[in-house]
Every structure is written in C-alpha cells, then in structure tokens.
Amino acid sequence: MAKKRSCRRTADEDKIHEKAVKMRKMTDEQLVHYVEDRVEKARSEGFNQGKKSSGGADINKFLKEISSIKGIGDATICKIADHFRKAGNQNE
C-alpha cells in the first residue's frame, strides 16, 4: 500500500495528521495526562448538558410511553414519577 502524499490531503486530514503526530511524540506520562484531561472534560460537558436539558418534558414523555405497556397501571406510573422527582431534588 502506497503512502498518501501530504499535498493531496484536505485541510481536515491535515489537522488530524498534526494531532496524530503530536500524540505519537508524547511521552507515556504526557499521554496519560492528555487522555485523563479529555475524559474529565467530556464528563464535565456531559454533566452540564444533562443539567441544561429539560428533564420534565423527557420524564413526562417516558411516562406516557410506558403507560401503554400491559401490566403497568396508574399506581406504578405514580411511583416512577415520584422516584424521578426525588432523584431530581437530590441532584440540585
């Protein structure tokens, strides 16, 4: 398999190549710190995005969907709704 010439790379491919070269040149310690930082950033963004999303609308939609399942009655729906409310109050 022949190498792809750098003059034939797109701008996006050049950015990816530069990142890959930079990562290959990192020491083990630098690589571990880089990956840990990326993981922490992803967790932080996911947590913040979860806080921003309107949970109430999603919960109501979910409850409406499961209410059509045979064997799940009003009592069970109320228990699930209470659980969501309690969990929401604990996270705030």
N, C-alpha and C. Protein backbone atom coordinates (compact mmCIF):
# COMPACT_ATOMS: atom_id res chain seq x y z
N MET A 1 0.84 -1.18 0.00
CA MET A 1 0.00 0.00 0.00
C MET A 1 0.88 1.24 0.00
N ALA A 2 0.65 2.10 -0.95
CA ALA A 2 1.47 3.30 -1.10
C ALA A 2 1.05 4.37 -0.10
N LYS A 3 2.04 5.20 0.25
CA LYS A 3 1.74 6.30 1.16
C LYS A 3 0.94 7.37 0.44
N LYS A 4 0.09 8.04 1.16
CA LYS A 4 -0.66 9.15 0.59
C LYS A 4 0.20 10.40 0.72
N ARG A 5 0.34 11.11 -0.35
CA ARG A 5 1.18 12.31 -0.34
C ARG A 5 0.49 13.43 0.43
N SER A 6 1.30 14.17 1.17
CA SER A 6 0.74 15.23 2.01
C SER A 6 0.11 16.35 1.19
N CYS A 7 0.55 16.53 -0.04
CA CYS A 7 -0.03 17.59 -0.87
C CYS A 7 -1.44 17.25 -1.31
N ARG A 8 -1.84 15.99 -1.16
CA ARG A 8 -3.17 15.58 -1.58
C ARG A 8 -4.15 15.46 -0.41
N ARG A 9 -3.71 15.88 0.76
CA ARG A 9 -4.58 15.84 1.94
C ARG A 9 -5.47 17.07 1.96
N THR A 10 -6.68 16.88 2.48
CA THR A 10 -7.57 18.02 2.66
C THR A 10 -7.17 18.74 3.94
N ALA A 11 -7.78 19.87 4.19
CA ALA A 11 -7.47 20.65 5.40
C ALA A 11 -7.82 19.86 6.65
N ASP A 12 -8.96 19.16 6.62
CA ASP A 12 -9.35 18.34 7.78
C ASP A 12 -8.36 17.21 8.01
N GLU A 13 -7.92 16.58 6.94
CA GLU A 13 -6.96 15.49 7.08
C GLU A 13 -5.64 15.99 7.63
N ASP A 14 -5.24 17.22 7.23
CA ASP A 14 -4.00 17.81 7.76
C ASP A 14 -4.09 18.04 9.27
N LYS A 15 -5.26 18.53 9.73
CA LYS A 15 -5.45 18.76 11.17
C LYS A 15 -5.36 17.44 11.94
N ILE A 16 -6.02 16.43 11.41
CA ILE A 16 -6.00 15.12 12.07
C ILE A 16 -4.57 14.57 12.09
N HIS A 17 -3.87 14.73 10.99
CA HIS A 17 -2.49 14.24 10.91
C HIS A 17 -1.59 14.96 11.94
N GLU A 18 -1.75 16.27 12.04
CA GLU A 18 -0.95 17.02 13.00
C GLU A 18 -1.21 16.56 14.44
N LYS A 19 -2.49 16.33 14.77
CA LYS A 19 -2.82 15.83 16.11
C LYS A 19 -2.22 14.45 16.35
N ALA A 20 -2.30 13.59 15.34
CA ALA A 20 -1.77 12.24 15.48
C ALA A 20 -0.26 12.26 15.69
N VAL A 21 0.43 13.09 14.94
CA VAL A 21 1.88 13.20 15.10
C VAL A 21 2.22 13.72 16.48
N LYS A 22 1.49 14.73 16.92
CA LYS A 22 1.72 15.30 18.25
C LYS A 22 1.52 14.25 19.33
N MET A 23 0.46 13.42 19.19
CA MET A 23 0.19 12.39 20.18
C MET A 23 1.25 11.28 20.14
N ARG A 24 1.71 10.94 18.96
CA ARG A 24 2.75 9.89 18.86
C ARG A 24 4.06 10.33 19.51
N LYS A 25 4.32 11.61 19.51
CA LYS A 25 5.57 12.13 20.07
C LYS A 25 5.50 12.32 21.59
N MET A 26 4.32 12.18 22.17
CA MET A 26 4.17 12.37 23.62
C MET A 26 4.83 11.23 24.39
N THR A 27 5.32 11.58 25.56
CA THR A 27 5.84 10.53 26.45
C THR A 27 4.64 9.82 27.08
N ASP A 28 4.91 8.71 27.75
CA ASP A 28 3.83 7.97 28.39
C ASP A 28 3.09 8.85 29.39
N GLU A 29 3.84 9.58 30.19
CA GLU A 29 3.23 10.43 31.21
C GLU A 29 2.36 11.52 30.58
N GLN A 30 2.88 12.15 29.54
CA GLN A 30 2.12 13.19 28.85
C GLN A 30 0.85 12.62 28.24
N LEU A 31 0.95 11.43 27.67
CA LEU A 31 -0.19 10.79 27.03
C LEU A 31 -1.28 10.46 28.05
N VAL A 32 -0.87 9.95 29.21
CA VAL A 32 -1.83 9.63 30.26
C VAL A 32 -2.53 10.90 30.73
N HIS A 33 -1.79 11.96 30.97
CA HIS A 33 -2.39 13.23 31.40
C HIS A 33 -3.34 13.77 30.34
N TYR A 34 -2.95 13.69 29.08
CA TYR A 34 -3.79 14.18 27.99
C TYR A 34 -5.12 13.43 27.95
N VAL A 35 -5.05 12.11 28.03
CA VAL A 35 -6.26 11.31 27.97
C VAL A 35 -7.14 11.57 29.20
N GLU A 36 -6.54 11.65 30.38
CA GLU A 36 -7.32 11.93 31.59
C GLU A 36 -8.00 13.29 31.51
N ASP A 37 -7.30 14.29 30.98
CA ASP A 37 -7.90 15.62 30.83
C ASP A 37 -9.08 15.58 29.87
N ARG A 38 -8.94 14.85 28.77
CA ARG A 38 -10.02 14.75 27.79
C ARG A 38 -11.24 14.04 28.41
N VAL A 39 -10.98 13.00 29.19
CA VAL A 39 -12.07 12.27 29.83
C VAL A 39 -12.79 13.17 30.82
N GLU A 40 -12.04 13.91 31.62
CA GLU A 40 -12.64 14.81 32.60
C GLU A 40 -13.45 15.91 31.92
N LYS A 41 -12.93 16.43 30.82
CA LYS A 41 -13.66 17.46 30.07
C LYS A 41 -14.96 16.90 29.52
N ALA A 42 -14.91 15.68 28.99
CA ALA A 42 -16.12 15.05 28.43
C ALA A 42 -17.15 14.82 29.52
N ARG A 43 -16.70 14.36 30.68
CA ARG A 43 -17.62 14.15 31.81
C ARG A 43 -18.26 15.46 32.23
N SER A 44 -17.44 16.48 32.33
CA SER A 44 -17.93 17.79 32.76
C SER A 44 -18.96 18.33 31.77
N GLU A 45 -18.67 18.24 30.48
CA GLU A 45 -19.60 18.74 29.47
C GLU A 45 -20.88 17.92 29.47
N GLY A 46 -20.77 16.63 29.62
CA GLY A 46 -21.95 15.78 29.66
C GLY A 46 -22.80 16.07 30.88
N PHE A 47 -22.16 16.29 32.02
CA PHE A 47 -22.88 16.61 33.25
C PHE A 47 -23.60 17.94 33.10
N ASN A 48 -22.91 18.94 32.56
CA ASN A 48 -23.52 20.26 32.39
C ASN A 48 -24.65 20.21 31.37
N GLN A 49 -24.48 19.43 30.32
CA GLN A 49 -25.53 19.31 29.31
C GLN A 49 -26.75 18.62 29.90
N GLY A 50 -26.52 17.64 30.75
CA GLY A 50 -27.63 16.96 31.40
C GLY A 50 -28.41 17.89 32.30
N LYS A 51 -27.71 18.80 32.96
CA LYS A 51 -28.39 19.78 33.82
C LYS A 51 -29.23 20.74 32.99
N LYS A 52 -28.72 21.11 31.80
CA LYS A 52 -29.41 22.08 30.96
C LYS A 52 -30.67 21.50 30.33
N SER A 53 -30.65 20.22 30.01
CA SER A 53 -31.79 19.64 29.30
C SER A 53 -33.03 19.68 30.18
N SER A 54 -34.14 19.85 29.53
CA SER A 54 -35.40 19.92 30.27
C SER A 54 -35.83 18.52 30.64
N GLY A 55 -35.52 18.11 31.83
CA GLY A 55 -35.83 16.76 32.28
C GLY A 55 -37.31 16.51 32.43
N GLY A 56 -38.09 17.52 32.79
CA GLY A 56 -39.52 17.34 33.00
C GLY A 56 -40.24 16.85 31.76
N ALA A 57 -39.92 17.44 30.63
CA ALA A 57 -40.58 17.04 29.39
C ALA A 57 -40.19 15.61 29.02
N ASP A 58 -38.93 15.26 29.22
CA ASP A 58 -38.47 13.91 28.90
C ASP A 58 -39.14 12.88 29.81
N ILE A 59 -39.28 13.21 31.06
CA ILE A 59 -39.89 12.29 32.02
C ILE A 59 -41.36 12.06 31.67
N ASN A 60 -42.06 13.14 31.37
CA ASN A 60 -43.48 13.00 31.00
C ASN A 60 -43.65 12.17 29.74
N LYS A 61 -42.77 12.38 28.78
CA LYS A 61 -42.83 11.60 27.54
C LYS A 61 -42.58 10.13 27.84
N PHE A 62 -41.59 9.87 28.69
CA PHE A 62 -41.26 8.50 29.07
C PHE A 62 -42.45 7.84 29.78
N LEU A 63 -43.05 8.55 30.72
CA LEU A 63 -44.19 8.00 31.46
C LEU A 63 -45.37 7.71 30.54
N LYS A 64 -45.58 8.59 29.57
CA LYS A 64 -46.67 8.39 28.62
C LYS A 64 -46.42 7.13 27.78
N GLU A 65 -45.15 6.92 27.39
CA GLU A 65 -44.81 5.75 26.58
C GLU A 65 -45.00 4.45 27.36
N ILE A 66 -44.54 4.42 28.61
CA ILE A 66 -44.63 3.16 29.35
C ILE A 66 -46.03 2.89 29.88
N SER A 67 -46.87 3.92 29.91
CA SER A 67 -48.23 3.69 30.40
C SER A 67 -49.03 2.79 29.45
N SER A 68 -48.58 2.69 28.21
CA SER A 68 -49.30 1.84 27.25
C SER A 68 -48.87 0.37 27.35
N ILE A 69 -47.87 0.08 28.16
CA ILE A 69 -47.40 -1.30 28.33
C ILE A 69 -48.36 -2.05 29.24
N LYS A 70 -48.71 -3.25 28.81
CA LYS A 70 -49.64 -4.06 29.59
C LYS A 70 -49.00 -4.41 30.93
N GLY A 71 -49.74 -4.23 32.01
CA GLY A 71 -49.25 -4.56 33.34
C GLY A 71 -48.74 -3.37 34.12
N ILE A 72 -48.60 -2.23 33.45
CA ILE A 72 -48.16 -1.01 34.15
C ILE A 72 -49.38 -0.12 34.30
N GLY A 73 -49.82 0.01 35.52
CA GLY A 73 -51.02 0.80 35.80
C GLY A 73 -50.70 2.16 36.36
N ASP A 74 -51.74 2.83 36.80
CA ASP A 74 -51.60 4.19 37.33
C ASP A 74 -50.71 4.22 38.58
N ALA A 75 -50.83 3.21 39.42
CA ALA A 75 -50.04 3.18 40.66
C ALA A 75 -48.55 3.11 40.34
N THR A 76 -48.19 2.27 39.40
CA THR A 76 -46.78 2.14 39.02
C THR A 76 -46.27 3.42 38.39
N ILE A 77 -47.07 4.04 37.55
CA ILE A 77 -46.68 5.31 36.92
C ILE A 77 -46.44 6.37 37.99
N CYS A 78 -47.30 6.42 38.99
CA CYS A 78 -47.14 7.40 40.08
C CYS A 78 -45.86 7.13 40.87
N LYS A 79 -45.57 5.86 41.12
CA LYS A 79 -44.35 5.52 41.86
C LYS A 79 -43.10 5.93 41.06
N ILE A 80 -43.11 5.69 39.76
CA ILE A 80 -41.97 6.06 38.92
C ILE A 80 -41.82 7.58 38.89
N ALA A 81 -42.93 8.30 38.75
CA ALA A 81 -42.88 9.77 38.73
C ALA A 81 -42.33 10.30 40.06
N ASP A 82 -42.76 9.72 41.17
CA ASP A 82 -42.24 10.13 42.47
C ASP A 82 -40.74 9.89 42.58
N HIS A 83 -40.32 8.76 42.06
CA HIS A 83 -38.89 8.44 42.09
C HIS A 83 -38.09 9.48 41.30
N PHE A 84 -38.59 9.86 40.10
CA PHE A 84 -37.91 10.87 39.29
C PHE A 84 -37.86 12.21 40.02
N ARG A 85 -38.95 12.59 40.67
CA ARG A 85 -38.98 13.85 41.40
C ARG A 85 -37.98 13.85 42.55
N LYS A 86 -37.93 12.75 43.30
CA LYS A 86 -36.98 12.65 44.41
C LYS A 86 -35.55 12.68 43.91
N ALA A 87 -35.26 11.98 42.84
CA ALA A 87 -33.92 11.97 42.27
C ALA A 87 -33.54 13.35 41.76
N GLY A 88 -34.48 14.08 41.17
CA GLY A 88 -34.24 15.44 40.69
C GLY A 88 -33.94 16.39 41.81
N ASN A 89 -34.61 16.26 42.94
CA ASN A 89 -34.38 17.13 44.09
C ASN A 89 -33.04 16.85 44.74
N GLN A 90 -32.59 15.61 44.71
CA GLN A 90 -31.31 15.26 45.31
C GLN A 90 -30.15 15.78 44.50
N ASN A 91 -30.27 15.85 43.16
CA ASN A 91 -29.19 16.31 42.31
C ASN A 91 -29.02 17.82 42.36
N GLU A 92 -30.02 18.56 42.77
CA GLU A 92 -29.92 20.03 42.77
C GLU A 92 -29.20 20.55 43.96
